[in-house]
PDB file of N, CA and C in Angstrom:
ATOM      1  N   MET A   1      12.581-262.423-128.966  1.00  0.00           N
ATOM      2  CA  MET A   1      12.649-262.880-130.340  1.00  0.00           C
ATOM      3  C   MET A   1      11.329-262.556-131.035  1.00  0.00           C
ATOM      4  N   ARG A   2      11.449-261.980-132.182  1.00  0.00           N
ATOM      5  CA  ARG A   2      10.278-261.639-132.979  1.00  0.00           C
ATOM      6  C   ARG A   2      10.036-262.772-133.977  1.00  0.00           C
ATOM      7  N   ILE A   3       8.754-263.184-134.116  1.00  0.00           N
ATOM      8  CA  ILE A   3       8.404-264.229-135.073  1.00  0.00           C
ATOM      9  C   ILE A   3       7.231-263.779-135.936  1.00  0.00           C
ATOM     10  N   ARG A   4       7.075-264.465-137.062  1.00  0.00           N
ATOM     11  CA  ARG A   4       5.922-264.261-137.937  1.00  0.00           C
ATOM     12  C   ARG A   4       5.037-265.494-137.789  1.00  0.00           C
ATOM     13  N   ILE A   5       3.726-265.258-137.714  1.00  0.00           N
ATOM     14  CA  ILE A   5       2.745-266.335-137.642  1.00  0.00           C
ATOM     15  C   ILE A   5       1.841-266.194-138.855  1.00  0.00           C
ATOM     16  N   VAL A   6       1.736-267.257-139.636  1.00  0.00           N
ATOM     17  CA  VAL A   6       0.881-267.251-140.817  1.00  0.00           C
ATOM     18  C   VAL A   6      -0.250-268.249-140.576  1.00  0.00           C
ATOM     19  N   VAL A   7      -1.477-267.728-140.597  1.00  0.00           N
ATOM     20  CA  VAL A   7      -2.679-268.535-140.419  1.00  0.00           C
ATOM     21  C   VAL A   7      -3.589-268.235-141.601  1.00  0.00           C
ATOM     22  N   GLY A   8      -3.683-269.174-142.526  1.00  0.00           N
ATOM     23  CA  GLY A   8      -4.492-268.928-143.718  1.00  0.00           C
ATOM     24  C   GLY A   8      -3.968-267.701-144.443  1.00  0.00           C
ATOM     25  N   LYS A   9      -4.846-266.714-144.696  1.00  0.00           N
ATOM     26  CA  LYS A   9      -4.448-265.493-145.394  1.00  0.00           C
ATOM     27  C   LYS A   9      -3.898-264.418-144.453  1.00  0.00           C
ATOM     28  N   HIS A  10      -3.866-264.710-143.175  1.00  0.00           N
ATOM     29  CA  HIS A  10      -3.437-263.729-142.179  1.00  0.00           C
ATOM     30  C   HIS A  10      -1.968-263.908-141.807  1.00  0.00           C
ATOM     31  N   GLU A  11      -1.256-262.791-141.708  1.00  0.00           N
ATOM     32  CA  GLU A  11       0.125-262.781-141.203  1.00  0.00           C
ATOM     33  C   GLU A  11       0.167-261.862-140.001  1.00  0.00           C
ATOM     34  N   LEU A  12       0.725-262.362-138.905  1.00  0.00           N
ATOM     35  CA  LEU A  12       0.862-261.565-137.691  1.00  0.00           C
ATOM     36  C   LEU A  12       2.307-261.618-137.236  1.00  0.00           C
ATOM     37  N   SER A  13       2.740-260.574-136.560  1.00  0.00           N
ATOM     38  CA  SER A  13       4.051-260.620-135.926  1.00  0.00           C
ATOM     39  C   SER A  13       3.837-260.738-134.430  1.00  0.00           C
ATOM     40  N   ALA A  14       4.813-261.327-133.776  1.00  0.00           N
ATOM     41  CA  ALA A  14       4.711-261.557-132.339  1.00  0.00           C
ATOM     42  C   ALA A  14       6.088-261.491-131.715  1.00  0.00           C
ATOM     43  N   ILE A  15       6.091-261.268-130.423  1.00  0.00           N
ATOM     44  CA  ILE A  15       7.321-261.271-129.633  1.00  0.00           C
ATOM     45  C   ILE A  15       7.244-262.436-128.655  1.00  0.00           C
ATOM     46  N   LEU A  16       8.266-263.303-128.685  1.00  0.00           N
ATOM     47  CA  LEU A  16       8.348-264.381-127.706  1.00  0.00           C
ATOM     48  C   LEU A  16       9.183-263.907-126.528  1.00  0.00           C
ATOM     49  N   ASN A  17       8.831-264.398-125.341  1.00  0.00           N
ATOM     50  CA  ASN A  17       9.534-263.980-124.125  1.00  0.00           C
ATOM     51  C   ASN A  17      10.828-264.780-123.939  1.00  0.00           C
ATOM     52  N   GLU A  18      11.447-264.601-122.809  1.00  0.00           N
ATOM     53  CA  GLU A  18      12.748-265.232-122.534  1.00  0.00           C
ATOM     54  C   GLU A  18      12.638-266.568-121.816  1.00  0.00           C
ATOM     55  N   LYS A  19      11.429-267.069-121.600  1.00  0.00           N
ATOM     56  CA  LYS A  19      11.282-268.347-120.897  1.00  0.00           C
ATOM     57  C   LYS A  19      11.927-269.474-121.691  1.00  0.00           C
ATOM     58  N   GLU A  20      12.337-270.504-120.978  1.00  0.00           N
ATOM     59  CA  GLU A  20      12.983-271.656-121.594  1.00  0.00           C
ATOM     60  C   GLU A  20      12.101-272.283-122.677  1.00  0.00           C
ATOM     61  N   THR A  21      10.809-272.353-122.420  1.00  0.00           N
ATOM     62  CA  THR A  21       9.885-272.937-123.397  1.00  0.00           C
ATOM     63  C   THR A  21       9.841-272.102-124.671  1.00  0.00           C
ATOM     64  N   ALA A  22       9.801-270.791-124.537  1.00  0.00           N
ATOM     65  CA  ALA A  22       9.799-269.915-125.714  1.00  0.00           C
ATOM     66  C   ALA A  22      11.090-270.093-126.508  1.00  0.00           C
ATOM     67  N   GLN A  23      12.204-270.220-125.813  1.00  0.00           N
ATOM     68  CA  GLN A  23      13.480-270.404-126.496  1.00  0.00           C
ATOM     69  C   GLN A  23      13.547-271.752-127.217  1.00  0.00           C
ATOM     70  N   ALA A  24      12.893-272.777-126.656  1.00  0.00           N
ATOM     71  CA  ALA A  24      12.825-274.080-127.326  1.00  0.00           C
ATOM     72  C   ALA A  24      12.014-273.968-128.619  1.00  0.00           C
ATOM     73  N   ILE A  25      10.964-273.153-128.597  1.00  0.00           N
ATOM     74  CA  ILE A  25      10.169-272.920-129.805  1.00  0.00           C
ATOM     75  C   ILE A  25      11.023-272.219-130.855  1.00  0.00           C
ATOM     76  N   VAL A  26      11.759-271.191-130.440  1.00  0.00           N
ATOM     77  CA  VAL A  26      12.633-270.463-131.371  1.00  0.00           C
ATOM     78  C   VAL A  26      13.640-271.421-132.009  1.00  0.00           C
ATOM     79  N   SER A  27      14.212-272.317-131.215  1.00  0.00           N
ATOM     80  CA  SER A  27      15.206-273.269-131.733  1.00  0.00           C
ATOM     81  C   SER A  27      14.624-274.222-132.766  1.00  0.00           C
ATOM     82  N   ALA A  28      13.312-274.450-132.711  1.00  0.00           N
ATOM     83  CA  ALA A  28      12.663-275.386-133.637  1.00  0.00           C
ATOM     84  C   ALA A  28      12.138-274.712-134.912  1.00  0.00           C
ATOM     85  N   LEU A  29      12.229-273.385-135.003  1.00  0.00           N
ATOM     86  CA  LEU A  29      11.695-272.667-136.177  1.00  0.00           C
ATOM     87  C   LEU A  29      12.446-273.035-137.439  1.00  0.00           C
ATOM     88  N   PRO A  30      11.808-273.047-138.606  1.00  0.00           N
ATOM     89  CA  PRO A  30      10.380-272.809-138.794  1.00  0.00           C
ATOM     90  C   PRO A  30       9.560-274.040-138.406  1.00  0.00           C
ATOM     91  N   ILE A  31       8.331-273.786-137.975  1.00  0.00           N
ATOM     92  CA  ILE A  31       7.435-274.857-137.549  1.00  0.00           C
ATOM     93  C   ILE A  31       6.137-274.721-138.337  1.00  0.00           C
ATOM     94  N   GLU A  32       5.672-275.834-138.869  1.00  0.00           N
ATOM     95  CA  GLU A  32       4.358-275.883-139.495  1.00  0.00           C
ATOM     96  C   GLU A  32       3.532-276.922-138.761  1.00  0.00           C
ATOM     97  N   PHE A  33       2.256-276.596-138.506  1.00  0.00           N
ATOM     98  CA  PHE A  33       1.372-277.550-137.847  1.00  0.00           C
ATOM     99  C   PHE A  33      -0.062-277.349-138.316  1.00  0.00           C
ATOM    100  N   HIS A  34      -0.879-278.357-138.074  1.00  0.00           N
ATOM    101  CA  HIS A  34      -2.302-278.249-138.383  1.00  0.00           C
ATOM    102  C   HIS A  34      -2.980-277.573-137.191  1.00  0.00           C
ATOM    103  N   GLY A  35      -3.556-276.420-137.439  1.00  0.00           N
ATOM    104  CA  GLY A  35      -4.235-275.688-136.383  1.00  0.00           C
ATOM    105  C   GLY A  35      -5.691-276.099-136.262  1.00  0.00           C
ATOM    106  N   ASN A  36      -6.097-276.343-135.031  1.00  0.00           N
ATOM    107  CA  ASN A  36      -7.495-276.609-134.702  1.00  0.00           C
ATOM    108  C   ASN A  36      -8.022-275.395-133.960  1.00  0.00           C
ATOM    109  N   THR A  37      -9.330-275.223-133.927  1.00  0.00           N
ATOM    110  CA  THR A  37      -9.896-274.102-133.174  1.00  0.00           C
ATOM    111  C   THR A  37     -10.728-274.620-132.007  1.00  0.00           C
ATOM    112  N   TRP A  38     -10.718-273.827-130.948  1.00  0.00           N
ATOM    113  CA  TRP A  38     -11.544-274.064-129.757  1.00  0.00           C
ATOM    114  C   TRP A  38     -12.032-272.699-129.344  1.00  0.00           C
ATOM    115  N   GLY A  39     -13.228-272.343-129.788  1.00  0.00           N
ATOM    116  CA  GLY A  39     -13.669-270.967-129.616  1.00  0.00           C
ATOM    117  C   GLY A  39     -12.723-270.072-130.394  1.00  0.00           C
ATOM    118  N   ASP A  40     -12.295-268.975-129.778  1.00  0.00           N
ATOM    119  CA  ASP A  40     -11.352-268.057-130.414  1.00  0.00           C
ATOM    120  C   ASP A  40      -9.917-268.362-129.974  1.00  0.00           C
ATOM    121  N   GLU A  41      -9.537-269.613-130.167  1.00  0.00           N
ATOM    122  CA  GLU A  41      -8.170-270.085-129.935  1.00  0.00           C
ATOM    123  C   GLU A  41      -7.798-271.013-131.074  1.00  0.00           C
ATOM    124  N   ILE A  42      -6.588-270.848-131.586  1.00  0.00           N
ATOM    125  CA  ILE A  42      -6.020-271.802-132.536  1.00  0.00           C
ATOM    126  C   ILE A  42      -4.918-272.528-131.780  1.00  0.00           C
ATOM    127  N   TYR A  43      -4.893-273.847-131.908  1.00  0.00           N
ATOM    128  CA  TYR A  43      -3.850-274.621-131.240  1.00  0.00           C
ATOM    129  C   TYR A  43      -3.463-275.810-132.109  1.00  0.00           C
ATOM    130  N   GLY A  44      -2.255-276.293-131.896  1.00  0.00           N
ATOM    131  CA  GLY A  44      -1.805-277.472-132.607  1.00  0.00           C
ATOM    132  C   GLY A  44      -0.479-277.973-132.078  1.00  0.00           C
ATOM    133  N   ALA A  45      -0.258-279.264-132.249  1.00  0.00           N
ATOM    134  CA  ALA A  45       0.967-279.906-131.762  1.00  0.00           C
ATOM    135  C   ALA A  45       2.172-279.436-132.568  1.00  0.00           C
ATOM    136  N   ILE A  46       3.250-279.150-131.840  1.00  0.00           N
ATOM    137  CA  ILE A  46       4.508-278.739-132.452  1.00  0.00           C
ATOM    138  C   ILE A  46       5.626-279.636-131.918  1.00  0.00           C
ATOM    139  N   PRO A  47       6.776-279.673-132.610  1.00  0.00           N
ATOM    140  CA  PRO A  47       7.865-280.564-132.195  1.00  0.00           C
ATOM    141  C   PRO A  47       8.709-279.984-131.057  1.00  0.00           C
ATOM    142  N   VAL A  48       8.038-279.628-129.982  1.00  0.00           N
ATOM    143  CA  VAL A  48       8.691-279.083-128.786  1.00  0.00           C
ATOM    144  C   VAL A  48       8.060-279.781-127.592  1.00  0.00           C
ATOM    145  N   ALA A  49       8.870-280.126-126.609  1.00  0.00           N
ATOM    146  CA  ALA A  49       8.356-280.720-125.377  1.00  0.00           C
ATOM    147  C   ALA A  49       8.842-279.870-124.210  1.00  0.00           C
ATOM    148  N   ALA A  50       7.964-279.666-123.250  1.00  0.00           N
ATOM    149  CA  ALA A  50       8.334-278.884-122.067  1.00  0.00           C
ATOM    150  C   ALA A  50       7.443-279.287-120.907  1.00  0.00           C
ATOM    151  N   GLY A  51       7.995-279.209-119.721  1.00  0.00           N
ATOM    152  CA  GLY A  51       7.203-279.435-118.533  1.00  0.00           C
ATOM    153  C   GLY A  51       6.497-278.149-118.144  1.00  0.00           C
ATOM    154  N   MET A  52       5.629-278.226-117.168  1.00  0.00           N
ATOM    155  CA  MET A  52       4.894-277.048-116.735  1.00  0.00           C
ATOM    156  C   MET A  52       5.835-276.131-115.969  1.00  0.00           C
ATOM    157  N   ASP A  53       6.029-274.945-116.490  1.00  0.00           N
ATOM    158  CA  ASP A  53       6.911-273.944-115.905  1.00  0.00           C
ATOM    159  C   ASP A  53       6.085-272.689-115.661  1.00  0.00           C
ATOM    160  N   ASN A  54       5.718-272.453-114.421  1.00  0.00           N
ATOM    161  CA  ASN A  54       4.877-271.299-114.108  1.00  0.00           C
ATOM    162  C   ASN A  54       3.603-271.290-114.937  1.00  0.00           C
ATOM    163  N   GLY A  55       2.870-272.398-114.899  1.00  0.00           N
ATOM    164  CA  GLY A  55       1.625-272.509-115.638  1.00  0.00           C
ATOM    165  C   GLY A  55       0.570-271.547-115.120  1.00  0.00           C
ATOM    166  N   THR A  56      -0.352-271.190-116.015  1.00  0.00           N
ATOM    167  CA  THR A  56      -1.413-270.266-115.649  1.00  0.00           C
ATOM    168  C   THR A  56      -2.695-270.600-116.389  1.00  0.00           C
ATOM    169  N   MET A  57      -3.801-270.198-115.822  1.00  0.00           N
ATOM    170  CA  MET A  57      -5.111-270.281-116.468  1.00  0.00           C
ATOM    171  C   MET A  57      -5.551-268.887-116.920  1.00  0.00           C
ATOM    172  N   ARG A  58      -4.751-267.874-116.606  1.00  0.00           N
ATOM    173  CA  ARG A  58      -5.115-266.492-116.935  1.00  0.00           C
ATOM    174  C   ARG A  58      -4.431-266.070-118.228  1.00  0.00           C
ATOM    175  N   THR A  59      -5.232-265.867-119.255  1.00  0.00           N
ATOM    176  CA  THR A  59      -4.714-265.421-120.539  1.00  0.00           C
ATOM    177  C   THR A  59      -5.540-264.243-121.027  1.00  0.00           C
ATOM    178  N   GLN A  60      -4.976-263.533-121.989  1.00  0.00           N
ATOM    179  CA  GLN A  60      -5.647-262.384-122.574  1.00  0.00           C
ATOM    180  C   GLN A  60      -5.626-262.520-124.087  1.00  0.00           C
ATOM    181  N   VAL A  61      -6.508-261.773-124.728  1.00  0.00           N
ATOM    182  CA  VAL A  61      -6.517-261.735-126.180  1.00  0.00           C
ATOM    183  C   VAL A  61      -5.131-261.295-126.654  1.00  0.00           C
ATOM    184  N   GLY A  62      -4.552-262.046-127.577  1.00  0.00           N
ATOM    185  CA  GLY A  62      -3.221-261.749-128.103  1.00  0.00           C
ATOM    186  C   GLY A  62      -2.113-262.567-127.482  1.00  0.00           C
ATOM    187  N   ASP A  63      -2.408-263.295-126.396  1.00  0.00           N
ATOM    188  CA  ASP A  63      -1.374-264.119-125.764  1.00  0.00           C
ATOM    189  C   ASP A  63      -1.046-265.339-126.611  1.00  0.00           C
ATOM    190  N   LEU A  64       0.209-265.742-126.553  1.00  0.00           N
ATOM    191  CA  LEU A  64       0.687-266.982-127.148  1.00  0.00           C
ATOM    192  C   LEU A  64       1.122-267.882-126.005  1.00  0.00           C
ATOM    193  N   ALA A  65       0.796-269.156-126.095  1.00  0.00           N
ATOM    194  CA  ALA A  65       1.105-270.060-124.997  1.00  0.00           C
ATOM    195  C   ALA A  65       1.494-271.431-125.526  1.00  0.00           C
ATOM    196  N   PHE A  66       2.063-272.218-124.625  1.00  0.00           N
ATOM    197  CA  PHE A  66       2.387-273.604-124.897  1.00  0.00           C
ATOM    198  C   PHE A  66       1.607-274.455-123.914  1.00  0.00           C
ATOM    199  N   TRP A  67       0.919-275.474-124.425  1.00  0.00           N
ATOM    200  CA  TRP A  67       0.114-276.383-123.598  1.00  0.00           C
ATOM    201  C   TRP A  67       0.845-277.721-123.508  1.00  0.00           C
ATOM    202  N   PRO A  68       1.564-277.975-122.384  1.00  0.00           N
ATOM    203  CA  PRO A  68       2.396-279.180-122.276  1.00  0.00           C
ATOM    204  C   PRO A  68       1.680-280.510-122.492  1.00  0.00           C
ATOM    205  N   PRO A  69       0.449-280.723-122.011  1.00  0.00           N
ATOM    206  CA  PRO A  69      -0.156-282.049-122.214  1.00  0.00           C
ATOM    207  C   PRO A  69      -0.282-282.457-123.683  1.00  0.00           C
ATOM    208  N   GLY A  70      -0.418-281.496-124.583  1.00  0.00           N
ATOM    209  CA  GLY A  70      -0.545-281.817-125.998  1.00  0.00           C
ATOM    210  C   GLY A  70       0.619-281.334-126.835  1.00  0.00           C
ATOM    211  N   ASN A  71       1.699-280.858-126.178  1.00  0.00           N
ATOM    212  CA  ASN A  71       2.828-280.234-126.892  1.00  0.00           C
ATOM    213  C   ASN A  71       2.300-279.240-127.925  1.00  0.00           C
ATOM    214  N   ALA A  72       1.340-278.436-127.506  1.00  0.00           N
ATOM    215  CA  ALA A  72       0.626-277.574-128.441  1.00  0.00           C
ATOM    216  C   ALA A  72       0.964-276.097-128.265  1.00  0.00           C
ATOM    217  N   PHE A  73       1.083-275.422-129.413  1.00  0.00           N
ATOM    218  CA  PHE A  73       1.230-273.973-129.473  1.00  0.00           C
ATOM    219  C   PHE A  73      -0.186-273.410-129.540  1.00  0.00           C
ATOM    220  N   CYS A  74      -0.460-272.377-128.741  1.00  0.00           N
ATOM    221  CA  CYS A  74      -1.805-271.809-128.650  1.00  0.00           C
ATOM    222  C   CYS A  74      -1.773-270.319-128.962  1.00  0.00           C
ATOM    223  N   ILE A  75      -2.728-269.890-129.772  1.00  0.00           N
ATOM    224  CA  ILE A  75      -2.895-268.478-130.103  1.00  0.00           C
ATOM    225  C   ILE A  75      -4.290-268.076-129.616  1.00  0.00           C
ATOM    226  N   PHE A  76      -4.341-267.167-128.660  1.00  0.00           N
ATOM    227  CA  PHE A  76      -5.621-266.726-128.097  1.00  0.00           C
ATOM    228  C   PHE A  76      -6.032-265.400-128.722  1.00  0.00           C
ATOM    229  N   TYR A  77      -7.217-265.367-129.348  1.00  0.00           N
ATOM    230  CA  TYR A  77      -7.685-264.140-129.993  1.00  0.00           C
ATOM    231  C   TYR A  77      -9.115-263.775-129.615  1.00  0.00           C
ATOM    232  N   GLY A  78      -9.643-264.411-128.575  1.00  0.00           N
ATOM    233  CA  GLY A  78     -10.981-264.093-128.082  1.00  0.00           C
ATOM    234  C   GLY A  78     -11.424-265.148-127.088  1.00  0.00           C
ATOM    235  N   PRO A  79     -12.702-265.119-126.719  1.00  0.00           N
ATOM    236  CA  PRO A  79     -13.209-266.069-125.722  1.00  0.00           C
ATOM    237  C   PRO A  79     -13.144-267.514-126.214  1.00  0.00           C
ATOM    238  N   THR A  80     -12.929-268.411-125.279  1.00  0.00           N
ATOM    239  CA  THR A  80     -12.966-269.849-125.539  1.00  0.00           C
ATOM    240  C   THR A  80     -14.229-270.407-124.880  1.00  0.00           C
ATOM    241  N   PRO A  81     -14.568-271.676-125.111  1.00  0.00           N
ATOM    242  CA  PRO A  81     -15.747-272.245-124.454  1.00  0.00           C
ATOM    243  C   PRO A  81     -15.695-272.198-122.920  1.00  0.00           C
ATOM    244  N   ALA A  82     -14.506-272.070-122.326  1.00  0.00           N
ATOM    245  CA  ALA A  82     -14.383-271.990-120.865  1.00  0.00           C
ATOM    246  C   ALA A  82     -14.477-270.558-120.342  1.00  0.00           C
ATOM    247  N   SER A  83     -14.592-269.582-121.222  1.00  0.00           N
ATOM    248  CA  SER A  83     -14.605-268.171-120.810  1.00  0.00           C
ATOM    249  C   SER A  83     -15.916-267.780-120.136  1.00  0.00           C
ATOM    250  N   VAL A  84     -15.798-266.817-119.227  1.00  0.00           N
ATOM    251  CA  VAL A  84     -16.980-266.228-118.590  1.00  0.00           C
ATOM    252  C   VAL A  84     -17.135-264.767-118.989  1.00  0.00           C
ATOM    253  N   ASP A  85     -16.166-264.228-119.714  1.00  0.00           N
ATOM    254  CA  ASP A  85     -16.213-262.859-120.231  1.00  0.00           C
ATOM    255  C   ASP A  85     -15.441-262.842-121.545  1.00  0.00           C
ATOM    256  N   GLU A  86     -14.932-261.688-121.950  1.00  0.00           N
ATOM    257  CA  GLU A  86     -14.231-261.582-123.240  1.00  0.00           C
ATOM    258  C   GLU A  86     -12.822-262.174-123.230  1.00  0.00           C
ATOM    259  N   ASN A  87     -12.309-262.508-122.048  1.00  0.00           N
ATOM    260  CA  ASN A  87     -10.956-263.064-121.957  1.00  0.00           C
ATOM    261  C   ASN A  87     -10.946-264.564-122.251  1.00  0.00           C
ATOM    262  N   PRO A  88      -9.946-265.025-123.011  1.00  0.00           N
ATOM    263  CA  PRO A  88      -9.844-266.464-123.261  1.00  0.00           C
ATOM    264  C   PRO A  88      -9.416-267.198-121.993  1.00  0.00           C
ATOM    265  N   VAL A  89      -9.915-268.422-121.843  1.00  0.00           N
ATOM    266  CA  VAL A  89      -9.518-269.296-120.743  1.00  0.00           C
ATOM    267  C   VAL A  89      -9.084-270.621-121.371  1.00  0.00           C
ATOM    268  N   PRO A  90      -7.848-271.063-121.107  1.00  0.00           N
ATOM    269  CA  PRO A  90      -7.383-272.338-121.693  1.00  0.00           C
ATOM    270  C   PRO A  90      -8.098-273.534-121.073  1.00  0.00           C
ATOM    271  N   ALA A  91      -7.995-274.679-121.748  1.00  0.00           N
ATOM    272  CA  ALA A  91      -8.611-275.909-121.245  1.00  0.00           C
ATOM    273  C   ALA A  91      -7.970-276.357-119.938  1.00  0.00           C
ATOM    274  N   SER A  92      -6.674-276.131-119.790  1.00  0.00           N
ATOM    275  CA  SER A  92      -5.940-276.376-118.551  1.00  0.00           C
ATOM    276  C   SER A  92      -4.723-275.462-118.584  1.00  0.00           C
ATOM    277  N   GLU A  93      -3.894-275.519-117.565  1.00  0.00           N
ATOM    278  CA  GLU A  93      -2.787-274.573-117.462  1.00  0.00           C
ATOM    279  C   GLU A  93      -1.877-274.583-118.690  1.00  0.00           C
ATOM    280  N   VAL A  94      -1.439-273.380-119.044  1.00  0.00           N
ATOM    281  CA  VAL A  94      -0.519-273.185-120.163  1.00  0.00           C
ATOM    282  C   VAL A  94       0.680-272.379-119.682  1.00  0.00           C
ATOM    283  N   ILE A  95       1.737-272.385-120.489  1.00  0.00           N
ATOM    284  CA  ILE A  95       2.915-271.559-120.247  1.00  0.00           C
ATOM    285  C   ILE A  95       2.853-270.401-121.228  1.00  0.00           C
ATOM    286  N   LEU A  96       2.788-269.190-120.724  1.00  0.00           N
ATOM    287  CA  LEU A  96       2.779-268.029-121.609  1.00  0.00           C
ATOM    288  C   LEU A  96       4.163-267.871-122.232  1.00  0.00           C
ATOM    289  N   VAL A  97       4.206-267.793-123.575  1.00  0.00           N
ATOM    290  CA  VAL A  97       5.491-267.717-124.269  1.00  0.00           C
ATOM    291  C   VAL A  97       5.650-266.449-125.094  1.00  0.00           C
ATOM    292  N   GLY A  98       4.597-265.672-125.236  1.00  0.00           N
ATOM    293  CA  GLY A  98       4.722-264.454-126.029  1.00  0.00           C
ATOM    294  C   GLY A  98       3.405-263.763-126.241  1.00  0.00           C
ATOM    295  N   ARG A  99       3.441-262.804-127.159  1.00  0.00           N
ATOM    296  CA  ARG A  99       2.273-261.963-127.391  1.00  0.00           C
ATOM    297  C   ARG A  99       2.263-261.478-128.836  1.00  0.00           C
ATOM    298  N   ILE A 100       1.082-261.457-129.427  1.00  0.00           N
ATOM    299  CA  ILE A 100       0.877-260.922-130.776  1.00  0.00           C
ATOM    300  C   ILE A 100       1.104-259.413-130.732  1.00  0.00           C
ATOM    301  N   GLU A 101       1.759-258.882-131.752  1.00  0.00           N
ATOM    302  CA  GLU A 101       1.883-257.434-131.921  1.00  0.00           C
ATOM    303  C   GLU A 101       0.706-257.000-132.798  1.00  0.00           C
ATOM    304  N   GLY A 102      -0.107-256.099-132.306  1.00  0.00           N
ATOM    305  CA  GLY A 102      -1.250-255.660-133.099  1.00  0.00           C
ATOM    306  C   GLY A 102      -2.524-256.373-132.688  1.00  0.00           C
ATOM    307  N   ASP A 103      -3.464-256.430-133.614  1.00  0.00           N
ATOM    308  CA  ASP A 103      -4.816-256.902-133.344  1.00  0.00           C
ATOM    309  C   ASP A 103      -4.977-258.388-133.638  1.00  0.00           C
ATOM    310  N   ALA A 104      -4.985-259.201-132.595  1.00  0.00           N
ATOM    311  CA  ALA A 104      -5.139-260.649-132.760  1.00  0.00           C
ATOM    312  C   ALA A 104      -6.550-261.027-133.177  1.00  0.00           C
ATOM    313  N   THR A 105      -7.521-260.147-132.967  1.00  0.00           N
ATOM    314  CA  THR A 105      -8.911-260.488-133.288  1.00  0.00           C
ATOM    315  C   THR A 105      -9.153-260.632-134.785  1.00  0.00           C
ATOM    316  N   ILE A 106      -8.173-260.259-135.617  1.00  0.00           N
ATOM    317  CA  ILE A 106      -8.350-260.469-137.064  1.00  0.00           C
ATOM    318  C   ILE A 106      -8.457-261.951-137.393  1.00  0.00           C
ATOM    319  N   LEU A 107      -8.102-262.807-136.446  1.00  0.00           N
ATOM    320  CA  LEU A 107      -8.193-264.250-136.668  1.00  0.00           C
ATOM    321  C   LEU A 107      -9.608-264.786-136.451  1.00  0.00           C
ATOM    322  N   ARG A 108     -10.522-263.973-135.938  1.00  0.00           N
ATOM    323  CA  ARG A 108     -11.894-264.447-135.734  1.00  0.00           C
ATOM    324  C   ARG A 108     -12.473-264.935-137.053  1.00  0.00           C
ATOM    325  N   GLY A 109     -13.064-266.090-137.004  1.00  0.00           N
ATOM    326  CA  GLY A 109     -13.654-266.667-138.199  1.00  0.00           C
ATOM    327  C   GLY A 109     -12.751-267.646-138.928  1.00  0.00           C
ATOM    328  N   VAL A 110     -11.483-267.782-138.499  1.00  0.00           N
ATOM    329  CA  VAL A 110     -10.620-268.765-139.155  1.00  0.00           C
ATOM    330  C   VAL A 110     -11.103-270.170-138.814  1.00  0.00           C
ATOM    331  N   THR A 111     -10.780-271.093-139.671  1.00  0.00           N
ATOM    332  CA  THR A 111     -11.140-272.488-139.440  1.00  0.00           C
ATOM    333  C   THR A 111      -9.860-273.300-139.326  1.00  0.00           C
ATOM    334  N   ALA A 112     -10.014-274.568-139.041  1.00  0.00           N
ATOM    335  CA  ALA A 112      -8.849-275.445-138.926  1.00  0.00           C
ATOM    336  C   ALA A 112      -8.050-275.411-140.220  1.00  0.00           C
ATOM    337  N   GLY A 113      -6.743-275.506-140.071  1.00  0.00           N
ATOM    338  CA  GLY A 113      -5.890-275.500-141.253  1.00  0.00           C
ATOM    339  C   GLY A 113      -4.444-275.269-140.897  1.00  0.00           C
ATOM    340  N   PRO A 114      -3.611-275.077-141.921  1.00  0.00           N
ATOM    341  CA  PRO A 114      -2.174-274.942-141.671  1.00  0.00           C
ATOM    342  C   PRO A 114      -1.802-273.643-140.968  1.00  0.00           C
ATOM    343  N   VAL A 115      -0.823-273.757-140.079  1.00  0.00           N
ATOM    344  CA  VAL A 115      -0.256-272.608-139.367  1.00  0.00           C
ATOM    345  C   VAL A 115       1.258-272.716-139.519  1.00  0.00           C
ATOM    346  N   ARG A 116       1.906-271.590-139.751  1.00  0.00           N
ATOM    347  CA  ARG A 116       3.360-271.574-139.876  1.00  0.00           C
ATOM    348  C   ARG A 116       3.931-270.546-138.914  1.00  0.00           C
ATOM    349  N   LEU A 117       4.960-270.944-138.182  1.00  0.00           N
ATOM    350  CA  LEU A 117       5.721-270.062-137.296  1.00  0.00           C
ATOM    351  C   LEU A 117       7.115-269.956-137.892  1.00  0.00           C
ATOM    352  N   GLU A 118       7.616-268.744-138.045  1.00  0.00           N
ATOM    353  CA  GLU A 118       8.949-268.574-138.627  1.00  0.00           C
ATOM    354  C   GLU A 118       9.628-267.370-138.020  1.00  0.00           C
ATOM    355  N   ALA A 119      10.946-267.346-138.133  1.00  0.00           N
ATOM    356  CA  ALA A 119      11.707-266.193-137.661  1.00  0.00           C
ATOM    357  C   ALA A 119      11.296-264.985-138.490  1.00  0.00           C
ATOM    358  N   PHE A 120      11.247-263.841-137.845  1.00  0.00           N
ATOM    359  CA  PHE A 120      10.847-262.597-138.522  1.00  0.00           C
ATOM    360  C   PHE A 120      12.096-261.898-139.023  1.00  0.00           C
ATOM    361  N   ASP A 121      12.170-261.718-140.310  1.00  0.00           N
ATOM    362  CA  ASP A 121      13.291-260.991-140.904  1.00  0.00           C
ATOM    363  C   ASP A 121      12.935-259.528-140.977  1.00  0.00           C
ATOM    364  N   ASP A 122      13.609-258.714-140.186  1.00  0.00           N
ATOM    365  CA  ASP A 122      13.326-257.266-140.187  1.00  0.00           C
ATOM    366  C   ASP A 122      13.804-256.620-141.459  1.00  0.00           C
TER     367      ASP A 122
END
């Protein structure tokens, strides 16, 4: 499933995978939430709940994830405070749900604020 992510003045397209958690996100679209930043990660609570399904601490720039402890959608676009190199590291295990198409680093410098997830109309 292809989605549009709007963060401030930035619009990105992304592909969500076939995992159950990703499909739950698709079913809840459109979703608006207040995005917070943690290094080069935007995250915020969304109206989706999921248990840990193949959780991981390994993420890359452009990955989209769901963080079950906070019911949070996460957008990784660079190093986080837990990183030891250029790769983002989540605060704890996340479920990878998709990937940004294109350059996620355009989000560098964004601050907390509204984020919108919506179905992508081709």
